[in-house]
Amino acid sequence: MEENTGKPKMKHALGLLDGTMLVAGSMIGSGIFIVSADIIRNVGSSGWLIAVWVLTGFMTLTAAVSYGELSGMFPKAGGQYVYLKESYNKLIAFLYGWSFFAVIQTGTIAAVGVAFSKFAAYVVPDSLKLYFSEDHILFSMPWGSGHTFTLSAAQLVSIALIVVLTYINTRGVKGGKIIQTTFTLTKLLSLFGLIIFGLLAMKPEIWHANWANAWQMHGLDKNGNSLNTGLTTGVALGAIAAAMVGSIFSSDAWNNVTFIAGEMKNPKRNIGLSLFLGTLIVTIIYVSANVMYTAVLPLHDIASAPKDRVAVAASTVIFGNIGTIIIALMIMVSTFGCNNGLILSGARVYYTMAKDGLFFKRTGTLNKAAVPEFGLWIQCLVASILCLSGTYGNLLDMISFVVVLFYILTIFGIFILRKKRPDAERPYKAFGYPVLPVIYILMGLAFCGLLLIYKQEYTWPGLIIVLIGVPIYYIANRNNKNEGEETAAA
């Protein structure tokens, strides 16, 4: 909050339901409708498909209940950035904030925005489909060696969506809150409905075939053909880690509610509860949806779904030809609400960084509606650039490794703070401490280690993005010191 009472202050306008809907709504974008195709190509069996989602759900729930302790100790805007600063130092916190701004949040906003426009092409009238299609190339220009910059209609629609949602959120937190709660409740109910109808339409012969060799791991190609059997332990673990890149991306952004702690009612209680309830609901939906997929689609069809759109293939089996329209509408609702949550919460991190002198100074001010408007617009700008670049998908693959590393650091921070500040107020203590936090840290390290060994293309580029933040941090610190000296001299 602003210390000067004459300036706008953040308003405590969000309750437990709003926080829970922000957690669930930010997590559920387009991933659950798509990434199971890549997961099944990595692991090749129903049992391991479900196991990947269960492992991811367990990690997410464990992290969420651990963050509850930190949110109670530091109920202020900025969330994970603040936890890292209090546990370690400003450098570690800045590296998280820099990665968050450069790729994690902005790249996710771009990816979700493009997903919205791609599926909008399914439901608009034929006369308008051209204006939403990813295949409608508006501009193409070669650059570099063998590279071509292309601009599609879908990219422009995604940018328009991001701009509109950003504008709505600059008008105050209440508008964003209404959109978030309405759209999240709608998509939760529609997802539960899809799962129920899918299970009712279960085909026994497909179910038995899919689960006959549920734990026999092998790779599948994009046509659903088997690539190998009898994998070595190391290769099998690498396949699981590669498969979890998709499920972790689909389950990410659960921590967004911590960024808006400055606008939550009773944040010491409601942030922790929102984290638990939101991640639990989404975990149940994700695991159930994948069980449903295996009940109506052969593994071959899951692996070879056109453009990886598994939910479209499943819905077509369940509802017939209209199934494509149903899923398209669901994804539009899902991605619209998801992007609203991401846009609403992300700017609060930049606001807190600016208060520490580590971001554009103007980002640390609130507009008349008591929201960080400048932070919202620069976030919009970077997300729009990533939409145009078309590299957001690759960037998110690269950053999954880094996201989990920062989660590990944050959860380890609980142990540091228990030692550094044993007498600090803790309205909520991490459930299962120290066992569950240790399990998460070990699982997270195993995931990152396996990616380093077997899927290095997912690791080093993300680390490089983080490390670019080191010189930026020292430049920002030097500028702050110079400004402070000038102020003192004056």
Protein backbone atom coordinates (compact mmCIF):
# COMPACT_ATOMS: atom_id res chain seq x y z
CA MET A 1 0.00 0.00 0.00
CA GLU A 2 0.97 3.58 -0.39
CA GLU A 3 2.29 5.15 2.81
CA ASN A 4 0.97 8.60 1.88
CA THR A 5 -2.72 8.49 2.74
CA GLY A 6 -3.42 11.15 0.13
CA LYS A 7 -2.62 8.67 -2.63
CA PRO A 8 -4.78 5.77 -3.86
CA LYS A 9 -4.51 2.59 -1.83
CA MET A 10 -5.25 -0.99 -2.84
CA LYS A 11 -8.80 -1.95 -1.89
CA HIS A 12 -9.61 -5.14 0.02
CA ALA A 13 -12.33 -6.16 -2.42
CA LEU A 14 -11.73 -9.90 -2.92
CA GLY A 15 -13.11 -12.68 -0.71
CA LEU A 16 -12.48 -16.41 -0.38
CA LEU A 17 -14.67 -17.32 -3.39
CA ASP A 18 -12.88 -14.73 -5.54
CA GLY A 19 -9.48 -16.06 -4.47
CA THR A 20 -10.46 -19.67 -5.14
CA MET A 21 -11.83 -18.75 -8.55
CA LEU A 22 -8.60 -16.87 -9.34
CA VAL A 23 -6.53 -19.96 -8.47
CA ALA A 24 -8.71 -22.36 -10.47
CA GLY A 25 -9.34 -19.92 -13.31
CA SER A 26 -5.66 -19.07 -13.77
CA MET A 27 -4.69 -22.75 -13.78
CA ILE A 28 -7.28 -23.93 -16.31
CA GLY A 29 -6.51 -22.50 -19.73
CA SER A 30 -6.21 -24.66 -22.82
CA GLY A 31 -3.69 -27.22 -21.55
CA ILE A 32 -6.10 -29.85 -20.27
CA PHE A 33 -7.75 -29.93 -23.71
CA ILE A 34 -4.47 -30.47 -25.57
CA VAL A 35 -1.33 -31.62 -23.70
CA SER A 36 -2.48 -35.20 -23.03
CA ALA A 37 -1.57 -36.03 -26.64
CA ASP A 38 2.09 -35.19 -26.03
CA ILE A 39 2.05 -36.92 -22.63
CA ILE A 40 0.75 -40.18 -24.11
CA ARG A 41 3.37 -39.98 -26.88
CA ASN A 42 6.06 -39.84 -24.18
CA VAL A 43 4.76 -42.61 -21.89
CA GLY A 44 2.55 -44.70 -24.21
CA SER A 45 0.10 -46.16 -21.68
CA SER A 46 -3.06 -45.26 -19.77
CA GLY A 47 -1.59 -45.99 -16.37
CA TRP A 48 1.36 -43.68 -16.89
CA LEU A 49 -0.85 -41.00 -18.45
CA ILE A 50 -2.91 -40.87 -15.25
CA ALA A 51 0.20 -41.23 -13.09
CA VAL A 52 1.74 -38.12 -14.69
CA TRP A 53 -1.37 -36.08 -13.85
CA VAL A 54 -1.57 -37.52 -10.32
CA LEU A 55 2.12 -36.75 -9.69
CA THR A 56 1.65 -33.21 -10.99
CA GLY A 57 -1.50 -32.77 -8.89
CA PHE A 58 0.28 -34.03 -5.77
CA MET A 59 3.19 -31.63 -6.37
CA THR A 60 0.82 -28.72 -6.96
CA LEU A 61 -1.28 -29.42 -3.85
CA THR A 62 1.82 -29.88 -1.72
CA ALA A 63 3.29 -26.60 -2.95
CA ALA A 64 -0.04 -24.81 -2.44
CA VAL A 65 -0.47 -25.88 1.20
CA SER A 66 3.18 -24.98 1.84
CA TYR A 67 2.67 -21.50 0.38
CA GLY A 68 -0.17 -21.07 2.86
CA GLU A 69 2.35 -20.47 5.64
CA LEU A 70 4.22 -17.84 3.62
CA SER A 71 1.03 -16.07 2.57
CA GLY A 72 -0.01 -15.80 6.22
CA MET A 73 3.36 -14.37 7.22
CA PHE A 74 3.52 -11.85 4.35
CA PRO A 75 -0.05 -10.89 3.35
CA LYS A 76 1.01 -8.21 0.88
CA ALA A 77 1.05 -7.61 -2.88
CA GLY A 78 3.79 -9.43 -4.77
CA GLY A 79 3.37 -12.93 -3.34
CA GLN A 80 6.19 -15.24 -4.39
CA TYR A 81 8.51 -12.31 -5.12
CA VAL A 82 8.08 -11.15 -1.50
CA TYR A 83 8.57 -14.68 -0.10
CA LEU A 84 11.87 -15.07 -1.97
CA LYS A 85 13.08 -11.63 -0.85
CA GLU A 86 12.27 -12.36 2.80
CA SER A 87 13.78 -15.87 2.70
CA TYR A 88 16.92 -15.06 0.69
CA ASN A 89 17.69 -11.61 -0.68
CA LYS A 90 16.65 -9.06 -3.28
CA LEU A 91 18.77 -10.64 -6.03
CA ILE A 92 16.98 -14.01 -5.89
CA ALA A 93 13.62 -12.23 -5.71
CA PHE A 94 14.52 -10.02 -8.68
CA LEU A 95 15.62 -12.98 -10.80
CA TYR A 96 12.18 -14.49 -10.20
CA GLY A 97 10.44 -11.19 -10.98
CA TRP A 98 12.53 -10.69 -14.12
CA SER A 99 11.77 -14.22 -15.38
CA PHE A 100 8.12 -13.68 -14.50
CA PHE A 101 7.98 -10.48 -16.57
CA ALA A 102 10.13 -11.69 -19.48
CA VAL A 103 8.52 -15.09 -20.05
CA ILE A 104 6.61 -16.86 -17.27
CA GLN A 105 3.55 -14.59 -16.99
CA THR A 106 3.73 -12.76 -20.29
CA GLY A 107 4.46 -15.93 -22.28
CA THR A 108 1.54 -17.69 -20.64
CA ILE A 109 -0.76 -14.74 -21.41
CA ALA A 110 0.36 -14.89 -25.06
CA ALA A 111 -0.11 -18.67 -25.35
CA VAL A 112 -3.57 -18.56 -23.75
CA GLY A 113 -4.58 -15.61 -25.94
CA VAL A 114 -3.62 -17.43 -29.14
CA ALA A 115 -5.49 -20.54 -27.95
CA PHE A 116 -8.62 -18.38 -27.54
CA SER A 117 -8.40 -17.07 -31.10
CA LYS A 118 -7.65 -20.49 -32.62
CA PHE A 119 -10.79 -22.04 -31.13
CA ALA A 120 -12.92 -18.97 -31.84
CA ALA A 121 -12.45 -19.88 -35.51
CA TYR A 122 -14.59 -22.99 -34.87
CA VAL A 123 -17.67 -21.10 -33.67
CA VAL A 124 -17.82 -17.87 -35.68
CA PRO A 125 -19.87 -17.80 -38.91
CA ASP A 126 -18.11 -19.06 -42.04
CA SER A 127 -17.90 -15.51 -43.37
CA LEU A 128 -15.74 -14.55 -40.35
CA LYS A 129 -13.59 -17.67 -39.93
CA LEU A 130 -10.83 -16.17 -42.05
CA TYR A 131 -10.36 -13.37 -39.50
CA PHE A 132 -9.65 -15.80 -36.62
CA SER A 133 -7.73 -18.59 -38.32
CA GLU A 134 -4.10 -19.39 -37.50
CA ASP A 135 -3.78 -20.56 -41.11
CA HIS A 136 -4.74 -17.13 -42.49
CA ILE A 137 -1.30 -15.54 -42.93
CA LEU A 138 -1.57 -11.76 -43.24
CA PHE A 139 2.13 -11.03 -43.59
CA SER A 140 5.26 -13.05 -44.22
CA MET A 141 8.88 -11.95 -44.34
CA PRO A 142 12.09 -14.04 -44.44
CA TRP A 143 14.80 -13.17 -41.94
CA GLY A 144 18.07 -14.77 -40.95
CA SER A 145 19.12 -18.16 -42.21
CA GLY A 146 16.08 -20.27 -43.02
CA HIS A 147 13.70 -18.28 -40.75
CA THR A 148 10.46 -16.57 -41.72
CA PHE A 149 8.42 -14.09 -39.71
CA THR A 150 4.70 -14.64 -40.22
CA LEU A 151 1.69 -12.78 -38.89
CA SER A 152 -1.62 -14.65 -38.74
CA ALA A 153 -5.16 -13.49 -38.04
CA ALA A 154 -5.14 -15.57 -34.83
CA GLN A 155 -2.19 -13.58 -33.49
CA LEU A 156 -3.99 -10.26 -34.04
CA VAL A 157 -7.15 -11.55 -32.34
CA SER A 158 -5.10 -12.72 -29.37
CA ILE A 159 -3.49 -9.29 -29.04
CA ALA A 160 -6.92 -7.64 -29.20
CA LEU A 161 -8.14 -9.95 -26.39
CA ILE A 162 -5.11 -9.09 -24.22
CA VAL A 163 -5.61 -5.34 -24.81
CA VAL A 164 -9.34 -5.50 -23.96
CA LEU A 165 -8.78 -7.48 -20.73
CA THR A 166 -5.92 -5.18 -19.75
CA TYR A 167 -8.15 -2.13 -20.24
CA ILE A 168 -10.94 -3.69 -18.13
CA ASN A 169 -8.47 -4.38 -15.32
CA THR A 170 -7.16 -0.79 -15.38
CA ARG A 171 -10.67 0.35 -14.43
CA GLY A 172 -10.44 -1.32 -11.02
CA VAL A 173 -10.24 -4.72 -9.39
CA LYS A 174 -14.02 -5.21 -9.19
CA GLY A 175 -14.48 -5.51 -12.96
CA GLY A 176 -11.75 -8.13 -13.17
CA LYS A 177 -13.23 -9.91 -10.16
CA ILE A 178 -16.67 -10.22 -11.79
CA ILE A 179 -15.19 -11.59 -15.03
CA GLN A 180 -12.97 -14.03 -13.13
CA THR A 181 -15.66 -15.48 -10.89
CA THR A 182 -18.29 -15.70 -13.66
CA PHE A 183 -16.06 -17.31 -16.27
CA THR A 184 -14.34 -19.68 -13.83
CA LEU A 185 -17.61 -21.00 -12.42
CA THR A 186 -18.87 -21.48 -15.99
CA LYS A 187 -15.84 -23.45 -17.10
CA LEU A 188 -15.75 -25.57 -13.93
CA LEU A 189 -19.37 -26.58 -14.41
CA SER A 190 -18.87 -27.24 -18.14
CA LEU A 191 -15.74 -29.35 -17.49
CA PHE A 192 -17.54 -31.42 -14.88
CA GLY A 193 -20.39 -31.84 -17.37
CA LEU A 194 -18.00 -32.98 -20.12
CA ILE A 195 -16.41 -35.52 -17.77
CA ILE A 196 -19.77 -36.92 -16.65
CA PHE A 197 -21.13 -37.21 -20.20
CA GLY A 198 -17.85 -38.77 -21.32
CA LEU A 199 -17.92 -41.42 -18.60
CA LEU A 200 -21.56 -42.18 -19.42
CA ALA A 201 -20.52 -42.66 -23.06
CA MET A 202 -17.69 -45.00 -22.07
CA LYS A 203 -16.96 -47.75 -24.59
CA PRO A 204 -16.07 -50.96 -22.69
CA GLU A 205 -13.97 -52.38 -25.53
CA ILE A 206 -11.87 -49.20 -25.70
CA TRP A 207 -11.52 -49.01 -21.91
CA HIS A 208 -10.35 -52.63 -21.61
CA ALA A 209 -7.93 -52.26 -24.53
CA ASN A 210 -6.43 -49.09 -23.07
CA TRP A 211 -6.00 -50.58 -19.60
CA ALA A 212 -4.90 -54.10 -20.61
CA ASN A 213 -1.20 -53.15 -20.36
CA ALA A 214 -1.61 -50.00 -18.32
CA TRP A 215 1.98 -49.85 -17.04
CA GLN A 216 3.91 -50.92 -20.13
CA MET A 217 5.77 -47.75 -21.05
CA HIS A 218 6.77 -47.07 -24.64
CA GLY A 219 6.95 -44.09 -26.95
CA LEU A 220 4.39 -43.29 -29.63
CA ASP A 221 4.83 -41.13 -32.71
CA LYS A 222 2.37 -38.48 -33.91
CA ASN A 223 0.51 -41.13 -35.87
CA GLY A 224 0.04 -43.22 -32.74
CA ASN A 225 2.51 -45.93 -33.79
CA SER A 226 4.69 -47.61 -31.15
CA LEU A 227 8.34 -46.51 -31.21
CA ASN A 228 9.96 -48.72 -28.59
CA THR A 229 9.33 -51.11 -25.71
CA GLY A 230 11.32 -52.26 -22.73
CA LEU A 231 12.78 -48.85 -21.90
CA THR A 232 15.71 -48.66 -19.50
CA THR A 233 14.99 -47.10 -16.10
CA GLY A 234 16.85 -43.90 -16.95
CA VAL A 235 15.09 -43.40 -20.29
CA ALA A 236 11.73 -44.19 -18.66
CA LEU A 237 12.30 -41.57 -15.95
CA GLY A 238 13.35 -39.09 -18.64
CA ALA A 239 10.12 -39.83 -20.53
CA ILE A 240 8.08 -39.15 -17.38
CA ALA A 241 9.90 -35.85 -16.81
CA ALA A 242 9.36 -34.80 -20.45
CA ALA A 243 5.68 -35.76 -20.16
CA MET A 244 5.32 -33.66 -17.00
CA VAL A 245 6.43 -30.51 -18.81
CA GLY A 246 2.93 -30.36 -20.33
CA SER A 247 1.04 -31.23 -17.15
CA ILE A 248 3.07 -28.78 -15.06
CA PHE A 249 2.44 -26.01 -17.60
CA SER A 250 -1.29 -26.85 -17.46
CA SER A 251 -1.21 -26.75 -13.65
CA ASP A 252 0.87 -23.61 -13.29
CA ALA A 253 -0.29 -20.12 -12.25
CA TRP A 254 -1.92 -21.51 -9.07
CA ASN A 255 0.25 -19.06 -7.11
CA ASN A 256 -1.27 -16.00 -8.83
CA VAL A 257 -3.59 -15.40 -5.90
CA THR A 258 -0.55 -14.62 -3.71
CA PHE A 259 0.26 -11.64 -5.94
CA ILE A 260 -3.02 -9.88 -5.05
CA ALA A 261 -2.79 -10.35 -1.28
CA GLY A 262 -2.98 -6.57 -0.90
CA GLU A 263 -6.54 -6.67 -2.27
CA MET A 264 -7.82 -9.75 -0.42
CA LYS A 265 -10.14 -9.57 2.58
CA ASN A 266 -8.52 -11.29 5.58
CA PRO A 267 -5.51 -12.37 3.47
CA LYS A 268 -3.84 -14.28 6.33
CA ARG A 269 -6.71 -16.78 6.20
CA ASN A 270 -8.13 -16.53 2.70
CA ILE A 271 -4.94 -16.79 0.62
CA GLY A 272 -4.01 -20.18 2.12
CA LEU A 273 -7.56 -21.50 1.83
CA SER A 274 -7.88 -20.27 -1.75
CA LEU A 275 -4.64 -22.02 -2.68
CA PHE A 276 -5.80 -25.32 -1.22
CA LEU A 277 -9.37 -25.27 -2.52
CA GLY A 278 -8.46 -24.04 -6.00
CA THR A 279 -5.65 -26.55 -6.59
CA LEU A 280 -7.75 -29.42 -5.18
CA ILE A 281 -10.66 -28.66 -7.53
CA VAL A 282 -8.38 -28.42 -10.56
CA THR A 283 -6.47 -31.59 -9.68
CA ILE A 284 -9.72 -33.56 -9.45
CA ILE A 285 -10.86 -32.15 -12.81
CA TYR A 286 -7.56 -32.87 -14.56
CA VAL A 287 -7.26 -36.47 -13.40
CA SER A 288 -10.96 -37.16 -14.09
CA ALA A 289 -10.75 -35.63 -17.58
CA ASN A 290 -7.87 -37.92 -18.50
CA VAL A 291 -9.68 -40.98 -17.15
CA MET A 292 -12.58 -39.91 -19.38
CA TYR A 293 -10.28 -39.61 -22.41
CA THR A 294 -9.16 -43.22 -21.95
CA ALA A 295 -12.81 -44.30 -21.69
CA VAL A 296 -13.83 -42.97 -25.12
CA LEU A 297 -10.64 -42.82 -27.21
CA PRO A 298 -8.07 -45.50 -28.06
CA LEU A 299 -4.52 -44.50 -27.07
CA HIS A 300 -3.71 -44.34 -30.79
CA ASP A 301 -6.35 -41.63 -31.25
CA ILE A 302 -5.17 -39.65 -28.21
CA ALA A 303 -1.59 -39.64 -29.52
CA SER A 304 -2.61 -38.75 -33.08
CA ALA A 305 -5.37 -36.20 -32.35
CA PRO A 306 -5.24 -33.47 -35.05
CA LYS A 307 -3.15 -30.57 -33.73
CA ASP A 308 -3.12 -32.43 -30.36
CA ARG A 309 -6.76 -31.42 -29.71
CA VAL A 310 -7.67 -34.46 -27.62
CA ALA A 311 -10.78 -32.86 -26.10
CA VAL A 312 -12.17 -32.15 -29.56
CA ALA A 313 -11.70 -35.80 -30.56
CA ALA A 314 -13.32 -36.99 -27.31
CA SER A 315 -16.23 -34.55 -27.58
CA THR A 316 -16.92 -35.64 -31.14
CA VAL A 317 -17.25 -39.25 -29.91
CA ILE A 318 -19.53 -38.14 -27.05
CA PHE A 319 -21.73 -35.56 -28.78
CA GLY A 320 -21.25 -36.21 -32.50
CA ASN A 321 -20.37 -33.46 -34.97
CA ILE A 322 -21.54 -30.72 -32.61
CA GLY A 323 -18.82 -31.85 -30.17
CA THR A 324 -16.25 -29.65 -31.90
CA ILE A 325 -18.40 -26.56 -31.31
CA ILE A 326 -18.98 -27.53 -27.67
CA ILE A 327 -15.26 -27.86 -26.95
CA ALA A 328 -14.45 -24.69 -28.86
CA LEU A 329 -16.94 -22.75 -26.73
CA MET A 330 -15.55 -24.32 -23.56
CA ILE A 331 -11.99 -23.40 -24.50
CA MET A 332 -13.02 -19.84 -25.37
CA VAL A 333 -14.67 -19.46 -21.94
CA SER A 334 -11.70 -21.15 -20.27
CA THR A 335 -8.98 -19.11 -21.95
CA PHE A 336 -10.89 -15.82 -21.58
CA GLY A 337 -11.21 -16.33 -17.83
CA CYS A 338 -7.68 -17.67 -17.52
CA ASN A 339 -6.14 -14.66 -19.24
CA ASN A 340 -8.17 -12.28 -17.12
CA GLY A 341 -6.72 -13.88 -13.97
CA LEU A 342 -3.18 -13.81 -15.32
CA ILE A 343 -3.44 -10.17 -16.40
CA LEU A 344 -5.11 -9.04 -13.16
CA SER A 345 -2.53 -10.64 -10.86
CA GLY A 346 0.72 -10.25 -12.80
CA ALA A 347 0.98 -6.45 -12.55
CA ARG A 348 1.01 -6.65 -8.73
CA VAL A 349 4.44 -8.31 -8.88
CA TYR A 350 5.90 -5.46 -10.95
CA TYR A 351 4.26 -2.98 -8.55
CA THR A 352 6.06 -4.51 -5.57
CA MET A 353 9.36 -4.74 -7.49
CA ALA A 354 9.09 -1.02 -8.30
CA LYS A 355 8.57 -0.28 -4.61
CA ASP A 356 11.95 -1.96 -4.04
CA GLY A 357 13.54 0.16 -6.77
CA LEU A 358 13.96 -2.86 -9.06
CA PHE A 359 11.47 -2.00 -11.80
CA PHE A 360 10.25 1.06 -13.69
CA LYS A 361 9.45 3.65 -11.02
CA ARG A 362 6.08 4.49 -12.59
CA THR A 363 5.00 0.87 -12.09
CA GLY A 364 4.98 1.48 -8.33
CA THR A 365 2.08 3.94 -8.49
CA LEU A 366 -1.65 3.27 -8.47
CA ASN A 367 -4.19 5.02 -10.67
CA LYS A 368 -7.47 6.54 -9.49
CA ALA A 369 -9.05 3.05 -9.53
CA ALA A 370 -6.32 1.90 -7.10
CA VAL A 371 -4.64 -0.52 -9.54
CA PRO A 372 -1.08 -0.47 -11.02
CA GLU A 373 -2.15 0.71 -14.48
CA PHE A 374 1.34 1.24 -15.92
CA GLY A 375 2.35 -2.29 -14.88
CA LEU A 376 -0.73 -3.67 -16.61
CA TRP A 377 0.10 -1.91 -19.87
CA ILE A 378 3.78 -2.87 -20.04
CA GLN A 379 2.75 -6.46 -19.30
CA CYS A 380 0.27 -6.14 -22.18
CA LEU A 381 3.05 -4.83 -24.45
CA VAL A 382 5.47 -7.70 -23.74
CA ALA A 383 2.72 -10.34 -24.05
CA SER A 384 1.67 -8.81 -27.38
CA ILE A 385 5.26 -8.91 -28.66
CA LEU A 386 5.46 -12.58 -27.70
CA CYS A 387 2.19 -13.17 -29.58
CA LEU A 388 3.75 -11.62 -32.67
CA SER A 389 7.00 -13.52 -32.30
CA GLY A 390 5.22 -16.88 -32.28
CA THR A 391 7.91 -18.19 -29.89
CA TYR A 392 5.80 -18.28 -26.73
CA GLY A 393 5.28 -22.07 -26.96
CA ASN A 394 9.01 -22.78 -27.13
CA LEU A 395 9.71 -20.25 -24.38
CA LEU A 396 7.19 -21.89 -22.05
CA ASP A 397 8.74 -25.32 -22.65
CA MET A 398 12.11 -23.83 -21.76
CA ILE A 399 10.86 -22.02 -18.67
CA SER A 400 8.99 -24.98 -17.05
CA PHE A 401 12.32 -26.07 -15.60
CA VAL A 402 12.92 -22.59 -14.14
CA VAL A 403 9.38 -22.31 -12.76
CA VAL A 404 9.84 -25.50 -10.74
CA LEU A 405 13.29 -24.32 -9.55
CA PHE A 406 11.72 -21.15 -8.13
CA TYR A 407 8.98 -23.20 -6.47
CA ILE A 408 11.68 -25.36 -4.85
CA LEU A 409 13.53 -22.26 -3.63
CA THR A 410 10.34 -20.73 -2.27
CA ILE A 411 9.31 -23.85 -0.37
CA PHE A 412 12.84 -24.29 1.00
CA GLY A 413 12.39 -20.71 2.21
CA ILE A 414 9.90 -22.05 4.78
CA PHE A 415 12.77 -23.92 6.48
CA ILE A 416 14.99 -20.82 6.32
CA LEU A 417 12.32 -18.58 7.83
CA ARG A 418 11.51 -21.09 10.59
CA LYS A 419 15.16 -20.73 11.64
CA LYS A 420 15.60 -17.00 10.97
CA ARG A 421 12.27 -15.91 12.46
CA PRO A 422 11.10 -18.61 14.86
CA ASP A 423 8.84 -16.19 16.74
CA ALA A 424 7.20 -14.59 13.70
CA GLU A 425 3.40 -14.72 13.52
CA ARG A 426 2.24 -17.73 11.50
CA PRO A 427 -1.57 -17.72 11.28
CA TYR A 428 -1.31 -20.87 9.17
CA LYS A 429 1.51 -23.41 9.28
CA ALA A 430 2.51 -25.55 6.30
CA PHE A 431 0.46 -28.75 6.36
CA GLY A 432 2.59 -31.85 6.86
CA TYR A 433 5.72 -29.84 7.72
CA PRO A 434 8.50 -30.89 7.35
CA VAL A 435 7.58 -34.10 5.48
CA LEU A 436 5.42 -32.73 2.64
CA PRO A 437 7.67 -29.75 1.84
CA VAL A 438 10.69 -32.09 1.76
CA ILE A 439 8.82 -34.49 -0.56
CA TYR A 440 8.01 -31.61 -2.91
CA ILE A 441 11.61 -30.42 -2.92
CA LEU A 442 12.89 -33.93 -3.70
CA MET A 443 10.30 -34.46 -6.45
CA GLY A 444 11.04 -31.04 -7.92
CA LEU A 445 14.79 -31.69 -7.90
CA ALA A 446 14.23 -35.09 -9.53
CA PHE A 447 12.11 -33.46 -12.26
CA CYS A 448 14.70 -30.75 -12.93
CA GLY A 449 17.60 -33.23 -12.78
CA LEU A 450 15.97 -35.59 -15.26
CA LEU A 451 15.30 -32.71 -17.67
CA LEU A 452 18.94 -31.64 -17.37
CA ILE A 453 20.06 -35.16 -18.28
CA TYR A 454 17.51 -36.18 -20.91
CA LYS A 455 15.82 -33.01 -22.23
CA GLN A 456 18.40 -30.25 -22.13
CA GLU A 457 16.51 -28.19 -24.70
CA TYR A 458 13.98 -27.54 -21.89
CA THR A 459 16.62 -26.35 -19.40
CA TRP A 460 19.59 -24.27 -20.56
CA PRO A 461 17.61 -21.67 -22.56
CA GLY A 462 15.42 -21.01 -19.51
CA LEU A 463 18.45 -20.68 -17.25
CA ILE A 464 20.02 -18.22 -19.70
CA ILE A 465 16.86 -16.06 -19.55
CA VAL A 466 17.13 -16.04 -15.74
CA LEU A 467 20.86 -15.24 -15.73
CA ILE A 468 20.35 -12.28 -18.07
CA GLY A 469 18.61 -10.76 -15.06
CA VAL A 470 21.85 -10.67 -13.01
CA PRO A 471 23.47 -7.70 -14.80
CA ILE A 472 20.08 -5.98 -15.03
CA TYR A 473 19.74 -6.27 -11.23
CA TYR A 474 23.12 -4.65 -10.59
CA ILE A 475 22.43 -1.88 -13.09
CA ALA A 476 19.08 -1.17 -11.37
CA ASN A 477 20.78 -1.17 -7.95
CA ARG A 478 23.50 1.20 -9.15
CA ASN A 479 20.90 3.58 -10.58
CA ASN A 480 19.01 3.52 -7.26
CA LYS A 481 22.21 4.29 -5.38
CA ASN A 482 23.01 7.20 -7.71
CA GLU A 483 19.48 8.59 -7.33
CA GLY A 484 19.78 8.28 -3.55
CA GLU A 485 23.10 10.15 -3.54
CA GLU A 486 21.66 12.90 -5.74
CA THR A 487 18.66 13.26 -3.45
CA ALA A 488 20.90 13.44 -0.37
CA ALA A 489 23.13 16.06 -2.01
CA ALA A 490 20.11 18.18 -2.92
